[in-house]
Full PDB file with SEQRES, HELIX, SHEET, SSBOND, CRYST1, ORIGX, SCALE, CONECT and MASTER records, all heavy atoms in Angstrom:
SEQRES   1 A   42  SER LEU SER ASP GLN LEU GLU VAL THR ALA ASN GLN ASP          
SEQRES   2 A   42  PHE THR LEU ASN LEU PRO THR ASN MET GLU ILE GLY ASP          
SEQRES   3 A   42  TRP LEU ALA PHE ILE PHE VAL GLN ASP ASN VAL GLY ASN          
SEQRES   4 A   42  ARG ASN LEU                                                  
SHEET    1 AA1 2 GLN A   5  ALA A  10  0                                        
SHEET    2 AA1 2 ALA A  29  GLN A  34  1                                        
CRYST1    1.000    1.000    1.000  90.00  90.00  90.00 P 1           1          
ORIGX1      1.000000  0.000000  0.000000        0.00000                         
ORIGX2      0.000000  1.000000  0.000000        0.00000                         
ORIGX3      0.000000  0.000000  1.000000        0.00000                         
SCALE1      1.000000  0.000000  0.000000        0.00000                         
SCALE2      0.000000  1.000000  0.000000        0.00000                         
SCALE3      0.000000  0.000000  1.000000        0.00000                         
ATOM      1  N   SER A   1      12.641   7.871  -1.107  1.00  0.00           N  
ATOM      2  CA  SER A   1      12.245   8.412   0.190  1.00  0.00           C  
ATOM      3  C   SER A   1      11.183   7.561   0.868  1.00  0.00           C  
ATOM      4  O   SER A   1      10.905   7.732   2.052  1.00  0.00           O  
ATOM      5  CB  SER A   1      11.716   9.843   0.032  1.00  0.00           C  
ATOM      6  OG  SER A   1      10.471   9.857  -0.647  1.00  0.00           O  
ATOM      7  N   LEU A   2      10.577   6.637   0.114  1.00  0.00           N  
ATOM      8  CA  LEU A   2       9.490   5.826   0.659  1.00  0.00           C  
ATOM      9  C   LEU A   2       9.984   4.540   1.289  1.00  0.00           C  
ATOM     10  O   LEU A   2       9.438   4.086   2.293  1.00  0.00           O  
ATOM     11  CB  LEU A   2       8.467   5.500  -0.437  1.00  0.00           C  
ATOM     12  CG  LEU A   2       7.775   6.700  -1.095  1.00  0.00           C  
ATOM     13  CD1 LEU A   2       6.804   6.217  -2.147  1.00  0.00           C  
ATOM     14  CD2 LEU A   2       7.067   7.543  -0.044  1.00  0.00           C  
ATOM     15  N   SER A   3      10.994   3.934   0.708  1.00  0.00           N  
ATOM     16  CA  SER A   3      11.466   2.660   1.219  1.00  0.00           C  
ATOM     17  C   SER A   3      12.800   2.322   0.590  1.00  0.00           C  
ATOM     18  O   SER A   3      13.180   2.877  -0.446  1.00  0.00           O  
ATOM     19  CB  SER A   3      10.462   1.542   0.927  1.00  0.00           C  
ATOM     20  OG  SER A   3      10.914   0.310   1.441  1.00  0.00           O  
ATOM     21  N   ASP A   4      13.525   1.406   1.246  1.00  0.00           N  
ATOM     22  CA  ASP A   4      14.771   0.901   0.682  1.00  0.00           C  
ATOM     23  C   ASP A   4      14.559  -0.421  -0.035  1.00  0.00           C  
ATOM     24  O   ASP A   4      15.488  -0.955  -0.638  1.00  0.00           O  
ATOM     25  CB  ASP A   4      15.814   0.703   1.790  1.00  0.00           C  
ATOM     26  CG  ASP A   4      16.133   2.005   2.497  1.00  0.00           C  
ATOM     27  OD1 ASP A   4      16.274   3.027   1.807  1.00  0.00           O  
ATOM     28  OD2 ASP A   4      16.215   2.014   3.738  1.00  0.00           O  
ATOM     29  N   GLN A   5      13.337  -0.981   0.063  1.00  0.00           N  
ATOM     30  CA  GLN A   5      13.021  -2.252  -0.581  1.00  0.00           C  
ATOM     31  C   GLN A   5      11.644  -2.145  -1.236  1.00  0.00           C  
ATOM     32  O   GLN A   5      10.670  -1.842  -0.562  1.00  0.00           O  
ATOM     33  CB  GLN A   5      13.019  -3.398   0.436  1.00  0.00           C  
ATOM     34  CG  GLN A   5      14.345  -3.605   1.148  1.00  0.00           C  
ATOM     35  CD  GLN A   5      14.274  -4.793   2.079  1.00  0.00           C  
ATOM     36  OE1 GLN A   5      14.184  -5.932   1.652  1.00  0.00           O  
ATOM     37  NE2 GLN A   5      14.306  -4.530   3.379  1.00  0.00           N  
ATOM     38  N   LEU A   6      11.589  -2.365  -2.533  1.00  0.00           N  
ATOM     39  CA  LEU A   6      10.348  -2.278  -3.278  1.00  0.00           C  
ATOM     40  C   LEU A   6      10.060  -3.619  -3.945  1.00  0.00           C  
ATOM     41  O   LEU A   6      10.974  -4.291  -4.404  1.00  0.00           O  
ATOM     42  CB  LEU A   6      10.441  -1.190  -4.351  1.00  0.00           C  
ATOM     43  CG  LEU A   6      10.866   0.201  -3.883  1.00  0.00           C  
ATOM     44  CD1 LEU A   6      11.001   1.130  -5.082  1.00  0.00           C  
ATOM     45  CD2 LEU A   6       9.878   0.764  -2.889  1.00  0.00           C  
ATOM     46  N   GLU A   7       8.792  -3.991  -4.010  1.00  0.00           N  
ATOM     47  CA  GLU A   7       8.411  -5.263  -4.630  1.00  0.00           C  
ATOM     48  C   GLU A   7       7.175  -5.066  -5.490  1.00  0.00           C  
ATOM     49  O   GLU A   7       6.238  -4.356  -5.105  1.00  0.00           O  
ATOM     50  CB  GLU A   7       8.125  -6.319  -3.551  1.00  0.00           C  
ATOM     51  CG  GLU A   7       7.702  -7.669  -4.118  1.00  0.00           C  
ATOM     52  CD  GLU A   7       7.480  -8.710  -3.038  1.00  0.00           C  
ATOM     53  OE1 GLU A   7       8.280  -8.754  -2.078  1.00  0.00           O  
ATOM     54  OE2 GLU A   7       6.500  -9.475  -3.154  1.00  0.00           O  
ATOM     55  N   VAL A   8       7.186  -5.684  -6.663  1.00  0.00           N  
ATOM     56  CA  VAL A   8       6.021  -5.655  -7.538  1.00  0.00           C  
ATOM     57  C   VAL A   8       5.758  -7.066  -8.050  1.00  0.00           C  
ATOM     58  O   VAL A   8       6.695  -7.808  -8.359  1.00  0.00           O  
ATOM     59  CB  VAL A   8       6.231  -4.683  -8.722  1.00  0.00           C  
ATOM     60  CG1 VAL A   8       7.368  -5.130  -9.622  1.00  0.00           C  
ATOM     61  CG2 VAL A   8       4.942  -4.515  -9.519  1.00  0.00           C  
ATOM     62  N   THR A   9       4.493  -7.447  -8.103  1.00  0.00           N  
ATOM     63  CA  THR A   9       4.089  -8.689  -8.767  1.00  0.00           C  
ATOM     64  C   THR A   9       3.496  -8.295 -10.109  1.00  0.00           C  
ATOM     65  O   THR A   9       2.446  -7.654 -10.168  1.00  0.00           O  
ATOM     66  CB  THR A   9       3.064  -9.464  -7.918  1.00  0.00           C  
ATOM     67  OG1 THR A   9       3.667  -9.830  -6.675  1.00  0.00           O  
ATOM     68  CG2 THR A   9       2.619 -10.722  -8.652  1.00  0.00           C  
ATOM     69  N   ALA A  10       4.186  -8.671 -11.185  1.00  0.00           N  
ATOM     70  CA  ALA A  10       3.837  -8.190 -12.524  1.00  0.00           C  
ATOM     71  C   ALA A  10       2.802  -9.086 -13.183  1.00  0.00           C  
ATOM     72  O   ALA A  10       2.963 -10.305 -13.235  1.00  0.00           O  
ATOM     73  CB  ALA A  10       5.094  -8.115 -13.384  1.00  0.00           C  
ATOM     74  N   ASN A  11       1.729  -8.474 -13.695  1.00  0.00           N  
ATOM     75  CA  ASN A  11       0.769  -9.215 -14.513  1.00  0.00           C  
ATOM     76  C   ASN A  11       0.760  -8.691 -15.950  1.00  0.00           C  
ATOM     77  O   ASN A  11      -0.193  -8.907 -16.692  1.00  0.00           O  
ATOM     78  CB  ASN A  11      -0.637  -9.148 -13.905  1.00  0.00           C  
ATOM     79  CG  ASN A  11      -1.133  -7.726 -13.724  1.00  0.00           C  
ATOM     80  OD1 ASN A  11      -0.671  -6.814 -14.417  1.00  0.00           O  
ATOM     81  ND2 ASN A  11      -2.060  -7.531 -12.805  1.00  0.00           N  
ATOM     82  N   GLN A  12       1.856  -7.992 -16.288  1.00  0.00           N  
ATOM     83  CA  GLN A  12       2.054  -7.491 -17.642  1.00  0.00           C  
ATOM     84  C   GLN A  12       3.544  -7.174 -17.805  1.00  0.00           C  
ATOM     85  O   GLN A  12       4.292  -7.206 -16.829  1.00  0.00           O  
ATOM     86  CB  GLN A  12       1.228  -6.218 -17.875  1.00  0.00           C  
ATOM     87  CG  GLN A  12       1.561  -5.103 -16.896  1.00  0.00           C  
ATOM     88  CD  GLN A  12       0.624  -3.918 -17.024  1.00  0.00           C  
ATOM     89  OE1 GLN A  12       0.437  -3.388 -18.112  1.00  0.00           O  
ATOM     90  NE2 GLN A  12       0.015  -3.518 -15.915  1.00  0.00           N  
ATOM     91  N   ASP A  13       3.974  -6.882 -19.032  1.00  0.00           N  
ATOM     92  CA  ASP A  13       5.353  -6.464 -19.229  1.00  0.00           C  
ATOM     93  C   ASP A  13       5.596  -5.174 -18.442  1.00  0.00           C  
ATOM     94  O   ASP A  13       4.696  -4.336 -18.302  1.00  0.00           O  
ATOM     95  CB  ASP A  13       5.642  -6.255 -20.709  1.00  0.00           C  
ATOM     96  CG  ASP A  13       5.646  -7.578 -21.482  1.00  0.00           C  
ATOM     97  OD1 ASP A  13       5.703  -8.639 -20.834  1.00  0.00           O  
ATOM     98  OD2 ASP A  13       5.593  -7.532 -22.722  1.00  0.00           O  
ATOM     99  N   PHE A  14       6.818  -5.009 -17.956  1.00  0.00           N  
ATOM    100  CA  PHE A  14       7.075  -3.980 -16.944  1.00  0.00           C  
ATOM    101  C   PHE A  14       8.376  -3.241 -17.254  1.00  0.00           C  
ATOM    102  O   PHE A  14       9.369  -3.849 -17.687  1.00  0.00           O  
ATOM    103  CB  PHE A  14       7.179  -4.662 -15.574  1.00  0.00           C  
ATOM    104  CG  PHE A  14       7.179  -3.729 -14.401  1.00  0.00           C  
ATOM    105  CD1 PHE A  14       5.989  -3.302 -13.835  1.00  0.00           C  
ATOM    106  CD2 PHE A  14       8.371  -3.278 -13.853  1.00  0.00           C  
ATOM    107  CE1 PHE A  14       5.979  -2.454 -12.757  1.00  0.00           C  
ATOM    108  CE2 PHE A  14       8.374  -2.430 -12.769  1.00  0.00           C  
ATOM    109  CZ  PHE A  14       7.177  -2.012 -12.216  1.00  0.00           C  
ATOM    110  N   THR A  15       8.382  -1.910 -17.028  1.00  0.00           N  
ATOM    111  CA  THR A  15       9.586  -1.098 -17.213  1.00  0.00           C  
ATOM    112  C   THR A  15       9.964  -0.442 -15.894  1.00  0.00           C  
ATOM    113  O   THR A  15       9.117   0.146 -15.215  1.00  0.00           O  
ATOM    114  CB  THR A  15       9.352  -0.005 -18.276  1.00  0.00           C  
ATOM    115  OG1 THR A  15       9.072  -0.612 -19.531  1.00  0.00           O  
ATOM    116  CG2 THR A  15      10.591   0.880 -18.409  1.00  0.00           C  
ATOM    117  N   LEU A  16      11.247  -0.563 -15.532  1.00  0.00           N  
ATOM    118  CA  LEU A  16      11.755   0.068 -14.320  1.00  0.00           C  
ATOM    119  C   LEU A  16      12.496   1.344 -14.704  1.00  0.00           C  
ATOM    120  O   LEU A  16      13.499   1.304 -15.423  1.00  0.00           O  
ATOM    121  CB  LEU A  16      12.692  -0.873 -13.566  1.00  0.00           C  
ATOM    122  CG  LEU A  16      13.272  -0.327 -12.251  1.00  0.00           C  
ATOM    123  CD1 LEU A  16      12.168  -0.137 -11.225  1.00  0.00           C  
ATOM    124  CD2 LEU A  16      14.343  -1.260 -11.703  1.00  0.00           C  
ATOM    125  N   ASN A  17      11.995   2.484 -14.232  1.00  0.00           N  
ATOM    126  CA  ASN A  17      12.611   3.771 -14.521  1.00  0.00           C  
ATOM    127  C   ASN A  17      13.689   4.100 -13.494  1.00  0.00           C  
ATOM    128  O   ASN A  17      13.808   3.436 -12.453  1.00  0.00           O  
ATOM    129  CB  ASN A  17      11.545   4.873 -14.527  1.00  0.00           C  
ATOM    130  CG  ASN A  17      10.460   4.616 -15.547  1.00  0.00           C  
ATOM    131  OD1 ASN A  17      10.749   4.216 -16.664  1.00  0.00           O  
ATOM    132  ND2 ASN A  17       9.212   4.844 -15.164  1.00  0.00           N  
ATOM    133  N   LEU A  18      14.452   5.156 -13.748  1.00  0.00           N  
ATOM    134  CA  LEU A  18      15.459   5.593 -12.784  1.00  0.00           C  
ATOM    135  C   LEU A  18      14.774   6.088 -11.514  1.00  0.00           C  
ATOM    136  O   LEU A  18      13.769   6.800 -11.576  1.00  0.00           O  
ATOM    137  CB  LEU A  18      16.308   6.715 -13.375  1.00  0.00           C  
ATOM    138  CG  LEU A  18      17.204   6.360 -14.558  1.00  0.00           C  
ATOM    139  CD1 LEU A  18      17.946   7.610 -15.025  1.00  0.00           C  
ATOM    140  CD2 LEU A  18      18.199   5.264 -14.202  1.00  0.00           C  
ATOM    141  N   PRO A  19      15.317   5.733 -10.338  1.00  0.00           N  
ATOM    142  CA  PRO A  19      14.698   6.158  -9.079  1.00  0.00           C  
ATOM    143  C   PRO A  19      14.815   7.662  -8.864  1.00  0.00           C  
ATOM    144  O   PRO A  19      15.650   8.341  -9.472  1.00  0.00           O  
ATOM    145  CB  PRO A  19      15.503   5.395  -8.016  1.00  0.00           C  
ATOM    146  CG  PRO A  19      16.206   4.309  -8.749  1.00  0.00           C  
ATOM    147  CD  PRO A  19      16.458   4.846 -10.119  1.00  0.00           C  
ATOM    148  N   THR A  20      13.989   8.156  -7.980  1.00  0.00           N  
ATOM    149  CA  THR A  20      14.086   9.535  -7.503  1.00  0.00           C  
ATOM    150  C   THR A  20      14.439   9.514  -6.017  1.00  0.00           C  
ATOM    151  O   THR A  20      14.342   8.484  -5.345  1.00  0.00           O  
ATOM    152  CB  THR A  20      12.766  10.292  -7.700  1.00  0.00           C  
ATOM    153  OG1 THR A  20      11.730   9.619  -6.964  1.00  0.00           O  
ATOM    154  CG2 THR A  20      12.377  10.346  -9.163  1.00  0.00           C  
ATOM    155  N   ASN A  21      14.847  10.661  -5.501  1.00  0.00           N  
ATOM    156  CA  ASN A  21      15.105  10.846  -4.067  1.00  0.00           C  
ATOM    157  C   ASN A  21      16.113   9.850  -3.500  1.00  0.00           C  
ATOM    158  O   ASN A  21      15.929   9.291  -2.417  1.00  0.00           O  
ATOM    159  CB  ASN A  21      13.797  10.779  -3.261  1.00  0.00           C  
ATOM    160  CG  ASN A  21      12.835  11.876  -3.641  1.00  0.00           C  
ATOM    161  OD1 ASN A  21      13.230  13.029  -3.779  1.00  0.00           O  
ATOM    162  ND2 ASN A  21      11.576  11.529  -3.834  1.00  0.00           N  
ATOM    163  N   MET A  22      17.191   9.629  -4.243  1.00  0.00           N  
ATOM    164  CA  MET A  22      18.316   8.846  -3.744  1.00  0.00           C  
ATOM    165  C   MET A  22      19.565   9.720  -3.777  1.00  0.00           C  
ATOM    166  O   MET A  22      19.759  10.505  -4.713  1.00  0.00           O  
ATOM    167  CB  MET A  22      18.533   7.584  -4.568  1.00  0.00           C  
ATOM    168  CG  MET A  22      17.479   6.515  -4.370  1.00  0.00           C  
ATOM    169  SD  MET A  22      17.804   5.008  -5.342  1.00  0.00           S  
ATOM    170  CE  MET A  22      19.314   4.393  -4.574  1.00  0.00           C  
ATOM    171  N   GLU A  23      20.400   9.582  -2.749  1.00  0.00           N  
ATOM    172  CA  GLU A  23      21.645  10.324  -2.681  1.00  0.00           C  
ATOM    173  C   GLU A  23      22.806   9.370  -2.949  1.00  0.00           C  
ATOM    174  O   GLU A  23      22.670   8.146  -2.824  1.00  0.00           O  
ATOM    175  CB  GLU A  23      21.796  10.981  -1.307  1.00  0.00           C  
ATOM    176  CG  GLU A  23      20.689  11.983  -1.000  1.00  0.00           C  
ATOM    177  CD  GLU A  23      20.825  12.576   0.383  1.00  0.00           C  
ATOM    178  OE1 GLU A  23      21.803  12.233   1.091  1.00  0.00           O  
ATOM    179  OE2 GLU A  23      19.969  13.385   0.768  1.00  0.00           O  
ATOM    180  N   ILE A  24      23.944   9.924  -3.320  1.00  0.00           N  
ATOM    181  CA  ILE A  24      25.119   9.107  -3.591  1.00  0.00           C  
ATOM    182  C   ILE A  24      25.442   8.251  -2.367  1.00  0.00           C  
ATOM    183  O   ILE A  24      25.524   8.748  -1.245  1.00  0.00           O  
ATOM    184  CB  ILE A  24      26.318   9.996  -3.973  1.00  0.00           C  
ATOM    185  CG1 ILE A  24      26.059  10.672  -5.312  1.00  0.00           C  
ATOM    186  CG2 ILE A  24      27.604   9.173  -4.039  1.00  0.00           C  
ATOM    187  CD1 ILE A  24      27.115  11.670  -5.726  1.00  0.00           C  
ATOM    188  N   GLY A  25      25.578   6.959  -2.602  1.00  0.00           N  
ATOM    189  CA  GLY A  25      25.834   6.013  -1.514  1.00  0.00           C  
ATOM    190  C   GLY A  25      24.596   5.254  -1.077  1.00  0.00           C  
ATOM    191  O   GLY A  25      24.702   4.253  -0.361  1.00  0.00           O  
ATOM    192  N   ASP A  26      23.402   5.703  -1.503  1.00  0.00           N  
ATOM    193  CA  ASP A  26      22.164   5.009  -1.151  1.00  0.00           C  
ATOM    194  C   ASP A  26      22.006   3.736  -1.983  1.00  0.00           C  
ATOM    195  O   ASP A  26      22.434   3.671  -3.143  1.00  0.00           O  
ATOM    196  CB  ASP A  26      20.946   5.905  -1.388  1.00  0.00           C  
ATOM    197  CG  ASP A  26      20.788   6.986  -0.334  1.00  0.00           C  
ATOM    198  OD1 ASP A  26      21.531   6.940   0.664  1.00  0.00           O  
ATOM    199  OD2 ASP A  26      19.924   7.864  -0.519  1.00  0.00           O  
ATOM    200  N   TRP A  27      21.367   2.732  -1.377  1.00  0.00           N  
ATOM    201  CA  TRP A  27      21.040   1.478  -2.054  1.00  0.00           C  
ATOM    202  C   TRP A  27      19.532   1.263  -2.008  1.00  0.00           C  
ATOM    203  O   TRP A  27      18.860   1.671  -1.056  1.00  0.00           O  
ATOM    204  CB  TRP A  27      21.727   0.298  -1.377  1.00  0.00           C  
ATOM    205  CG  TRP A  27      23.204   0.217  -1.622  1.00  0.00           C  
ATOM    206  CD1 TRP A  27      24.188   0.897  -0.969  1.00  0.00           C  
ATOM    207  CD2 TRP A  27      23.854  -0.609  -2.591  1.00  0.00           C  
ATOM    208  NE1 TRP A  27      25.414   0.558  -1.467  1.00  0.00           N  
ATOM    209  CE2 TRP A  27      25.244  -0.379  -2.466  1.00  0.00           C  
ATOM    210  CE3 TRP A  27      23.415  -1.522  -3.550  1.00  0.00           C  
ATOM    211  CZ2 TRP A  27      26.190  -1.017  -3.254  1.00  0.00           C  
ATOM    212  CZ3 TRP A  27      24.346  -2.164  -4.337  1.00  0.00           C  
ATOM    213  CH2 TRP A  27      25.725  -1.910  -4.200  1.00  0.00           C  
ATOM    214  N   LEU A  28      19.024   0.592  -3.027  1.00  0.00           N  
ATOM    215  CA  LEU A  28      17.611   0.262  -3.080  1.00  0.00           C  
ATOM    216  C   LEU A  28      17.473  -1.137  -3.677  1.00  0.00           C  
ATOM    217  O   LEU A  28      18.061  -1.429  -4.720  1.00  0.00           O  
ATOM    218  CB  LEU A  28      16.860   1.292  -3.925  1.00  0.00           C  
ATOM    219  CG  LEU A  28      15.331   1.192  -3.970  1.00  0.00           C  
ATOM    220  CD1 LEU A  28      14.747   2.592  -4.159  1.00  0.00           C  
ATOM    221  CD2 LEU A  28      14.854   0.289  -5.099  1.00  0.00           C  
ATOM    222  N   ALA A  29      16.704  -1.988  -3.010  1.00  0.00           N  
ATOM    223  CA  ALA A  29      16.442  -3.339  -3.515  1.00  0.00           C  
ATOM    224  C   ALA A  29      15.115  -3.341  -4.267  1.00  0.00           C  
ATOM    225  O   ALA A  29      14.115  -2.820  -3.769  1.00  0.00           O  
ATOM    226  CB  ALA A  29      16.396  -4.338  -2.373  1.00  0.00           C  
ATOM    227  N   PHE A  30      15.112  -3.917  -5.473  1.00  0.00           N  
ATOM    228  CA  PHE A  30      13.899  -4.028  -6.276  1.00  0.00           C  
ATOM    229  C   PHE A  30      13.623  -5.506  -6.531  1.00  0.00           C  
ATOM    230  O   PHE A  30      14.453  -6.218  -7.105  1.00  0.00           O  
ATOM    231  CB  PHE A  30      14.062  -3.290  -7.607  1.00  0.00           C  
ATOM    232  CG  PHE A  30      12.893  -3.462  -8.537  1.00  0.00           C  
ATOM    233  CD1 PHE A  30      11.654  -2.930  -8.234  1.00  0.00           C  
ATOM    234  CD2 PHE A  30      13.046  -4.164  -9.732  1.00  0.00           C  
ATOM    235  CE1 PHE A  30      10.579  -3.103  -9.088  1.00  0.00           C  
ATOM    236  CE2 PHE A  30      11.971  -4.333 -10.591  1.00  0.00           C  
ATOM    237  CZ  PHE A  30      10.739  -3.800 -10.263  1.00  0.00           C  
ATOM    238  N   ILE A  31      12.459  -5.962  -6.080  1.00  0.00           N  
ATOM    239  CA  ILE A  31      12.092  -7.377  -6.186  1.00  0.00           C  
ATOM    240  C   ILE A  31      10.981  -7.516  -7.220  1.00  0.00           C  
ATOM    241  O   ILE A  31       9.889  -6.966  -7.059  1.00  0.00           O  
ATOM    242  CB  ILE A  31      11.627  -7.926  -4.824  1.00  0.00           C  
ATOM    243  CG1 ILE A  31      12.707  -7.688  -3.767  1.00  0.00           C  
ATOM    244  CG2 ILE A  31      11.295  -9.411  -4.921  1.00  0.00           C  
ATOM    245  CD1 ILE A  31      12.228  -7.899  -2.348  1.00  0.00           C  
ATOM    246  N   PHE A  32      11.281  -8.248  -8.297  1.00  0.00           N  
ATOM    247  CA  PHE A  32      10.354  -8.421  -9.413  1.00  0.00           C  
ATOM    248  C   PHE A  32       9.789  -9.836  -9.350  1.00  0.00           C  
ATOM    249  O   PHE A  32      10.525 -10.822  -9.488  1.00  0.00           O  
ATOM    250  CB  PHE A  32      11.091  -8.197 -10.738  1.00  0.00           C  
ATOM    251  CG  PHE A  32      10.225  -8.291 -11.956  1.00  0.00           C  
ATOM    252  CD1 PHE A  32       9.353  -7.268 -12.291  1.00  0.00           C  
ATOM    253  CD2 PHE A  32      10.297  -9.401 -12.794  1.00  0.00           C  
ATOM    254  CE1 PHE A  32       8.565  -7.351 -13.430  1.00  0.00           C  
ATOM    255  CE2 PHE A  32       9.513  -9.501 -13.932  1.00  0.00           C  
ATOM    256  CZ  PHE A  32       8.635  -8.465 -14.249  1.00  0.00           C  
ATOM    257  N   VAL A  33       8.478  -9.957  -9.156  1.00  0.00           N  
ATOM    258  CA  VAL A  33       7.824 -11.256  -8.984  1.00  0.00           C  
ATOM    259  C   VAL A  33       6.877 -11.500 -10.153  1.00  0.00           C  
ATOM    260  O   VAL A  33       6.051 -10.637 -10.495  1.00  0.00           O  
ATOM    261  CB  VAL A  33       7.041 -11.312  -7.658  1.00  0.00           C  
ATOM    262  CG1 VAL A  33       6.448 -12.703  -7.447  1.00  0.00           C  
ATOM    263  CG2 VAL A  33       7.933 -10.927  -6.481  1.00  0.00           C  
ATOM    264  N   GLN A  34       7.006 -12.668 -10.770  1.00  0.00           N  
ATOM    265  CA  GLN A  34       6.069 -13.050 -11.826  1.00  0.00           C  
ATOM    266  C   GLN A  34       4.718 -13.413 -11.200  1.00  0.00           C  
ATOM    267  O   GLN A  34       4.658 -13.958 -10.099  1.00  0.00           O  
ATOM    268  CB  GLN A  34       6.606 -14.252 -12.603  1.00  0.00           C  
ATOM    269  CG  GLN A  34       7.931 -14.031 -13.301  1.00  0.00           C  
ATOM    270  CD  GLN A  34       7.799 -13.253 -14.598  1.00  0.00           C  
ATOM    271  OE1 GLN A  34       6.695 -13.007 -15.098  1.00  0.00           O  
ATOM    272  NE2 GLN A  34       8.931 -12.866 -15.161  1.00  0.00           N  
ATOM    273  N   ASP A  35       3.623 -13.105 -11.904  1.00  0.00           N  
ATOM    274  CA  ASP A  35       2.324 -13.552 -11.424  1.00  0.00           C  
ATOM    275  C   ASP A  35       2.164 -15.040 -11.719  1.00  0.00           C  
ATOM    276  O   ASP A  35       3.130 -15.713 -12.092  1.00  0.00           O  
ATOM    277  CB  ASP A  35       1.200 -12.720 -12.049  1.00  0.00           C  
ATOM    278  CG  ASP A  35       1.124 -12.873 -13.564  1.00  0.00           C  
ATOM    279  OD1 ASP A  35       1.886 -13.689 -14.137  1.00  0.00           O  
ATOM    280  OD2 ASP A  35       0.300 -12.179 -14.192  1.00  0.00           O  
ATOM    281  N   ASN A  36       0.952 -15.567 -11.538  1.00  0.00           N  
ATOM    282  CA  ASN A  36       0.767 -17.010 -11.713  1.00  0.00           C  
ATOM    283  C   ASN A  36       0.716 -17.440 -13.181  1.00  0.00           C  
ATOM    284  O   ASN A  36       0.505 -18.615 -13.485  1.00  0.00           O  
ATOM    285  CB  ASN A  36      -0.492 -17.491 -10.978  1.00  0.00           C  
ATOM    286  CG  ASN A  36      -1.738 -16.744 -11.409  1.00  0.00           C  
ATOM    287  OD1 ASN A  36      -1.726 -16.012 -12.396  1.00  0.00           O  
ATOM    288  ND2 ASN A  36      -2.812 -16.917 -10.660  1.00  0.00           N  
ATOM    289  N   VAL A  37       0.906 -16.474 -14.099  1.00  0.00           N  
ATOM    290  CA  VAL A  37       1.010 -16.795 -15.522  1.00  0.00           C  
ATOM    291  C   VAL A  37       2.477 -16.861 -15.933  1.00  0.00           C  
ATOM    292  O   VAL A  37       2.923 -17.786 -16.604  1.00  0.00           O  
ATOM    293  CB  VAL A  37       0.257 -15.760 -16.380  1.00  0.00           C  
ATOM    294  CG1 VAL A  37       0.475 -16.029 -17.870  1.00  0.00           C  
ATOM    295  CG2 VAL A  37      -1.225 -15.770 -16.042  1.00  0.00           C  
ATOM    296  N   GLY A  38       3.261 -15.862 -15.496  1.00  0.00           N  
ATOM    297  CA  GLY A  38       4.683 -15.821 -15.805  1.00  0.00           C  
ATOM    298  C   GLY A  38       4.986 -15.231 -17.177  1.00  0.00           C  
ATOM    299  O   GLY A  38       4.088 -14.722 -17.874  1.00  0.00           O  
ATOM    300  N   ASN A  39       6.263 -15.267 -17.549  1.00  0.00           N  
ATOM    301  CA  ASN A  39       6.736 -14.744 -18.836  1.00  0.00           C  
ATOM    302  C   ASN A  39       6.473 -13.246 -18.998  1.00  0.00           C  
ATOM    303  O   ASN A  39       6.254 -12.765 -20.115  1.00  0.00           O  
ATOM    304  CB  ASN A  39       6.115 -15.517 -20.007  1.00  0.00           C  
ATOM    305  CG  ASN A  39       6.741 -16.893 -20.161  1.00  0.00           C  
ATOM    306  OD1 ASN A  39       7.955 -17.047 -20.101  1.00  0.00           O  
ATOM    307  ND2 ASN A  39       5.890 -17.897 -20.330  1.00  0.00           N  
ATOM    308  N   ARG A  40       6.480 -12.506 -17.888  1.00  0.00           N  
ATOM    309  CA  ARG A  40       6.350 -11.052 -17.962  1.00  0.00           C  
ATOM    310  C   ARG A  40       7.747 -10.467 -18.158  1.00  0.00           C  
ATOM    311  O   ARG A  40       8.664 -10.746 -17.382  1.00  0.00           O  
ATOM    312  CB  ARG A  40       5.733 -10.487 -16.680  1.00  0.00           C  
ATOM    313  CG  ARG A  40       4.434 -11.173 -16.246  1.00  0.00           C  
ATOM    314  CD  ARG A  40       3.343 -11.085 -17.307  1.00  0.00           C  
ATOM    315  NE  ARG A  40       2.085 -11.644 -16.811  1.00  0.00           N  
ATOM    316  CZ  ARG A  40       0.973 -11.747 -17.519  1.00  0.00           C  
ATOM    317  NH1 ARG A  40       0.955 -11.332 -18.781  1.00  0.00           N  
ATOM    318  NH2 ARG A  40      -0.123 -12.252 -16.995  1.00  0.00           N  
ATOM    319  N   ASN A  41       7.917  -9.689 -19.200  1.00  0.00           N  
ATOM    320  CA  ASN A  41       9.228  -9.132 -19.513  1.00  0.00           C  
ATOM    321  C   ASN A  41       9.530  -7.931 -18.627  1.00  0.00           C  
ATOM    322  O   ASN A  41       8.635  -7.162 -18.266  1.00  0.00           O  
ATOM    323  CB  ASN A  41       9.293  -8.703 -20.982  1.00  0.00           C  
ATOM    324  CG  ASN A  41       9.189  -9.886 -21.936  1.00  0.00           C  
ATOM    325  OD1 ASN A  41       9.771 -10.933 -21.675  1.00  0.00           O  
ATOM    326  ND2 ASN A  41       8.451  -9.708 -23.019  1.00  0.00           N  
ATOM    327  N   LEU A  42      10.803  -7.763 -18.297  1.00  0.00           N  
ATOM    328  CA  LEU A  42      11.256  -6.643 -17.487  1.00  0.00           C  
ATOM    329  C   LEU A  42      12.265  -5.833 -18.284  1.00  0.00           C  
ATOM    330  O   LEU A  42      13.289  -6.352 -18.733  1.00  0.00           O  
ATOM    331  CB  LEU A  42      11.884  -7.133 -16.186  1.00  0.00           C  
ATOM    332  CG  LEU A  42      12.501  -6.073 -15.267  1.00  0.00           C  
ATOM    333  CD1 LEU A  42      11.454  -5.043 -14.854  1.00  0.00           C  
ATOM    334  CD2 LEU A  42      13.110  -6.734 -14.026  1.00  0.00           C  
TER     335      LEU A  42                                                      
MASTER        0    0    0    0    2    0    0    6  334    1    0    4          
END                                                                             
């Protein structure tokens, strides 16, 4: 309900949970960006 495009810059290992407030047919883009260290697991 907040946005159709989400972005996070990870500075640690990261877990993506199932979204909320989406209806059948909805799309959501998730952009995962490494910080300046890198090697953050998703």
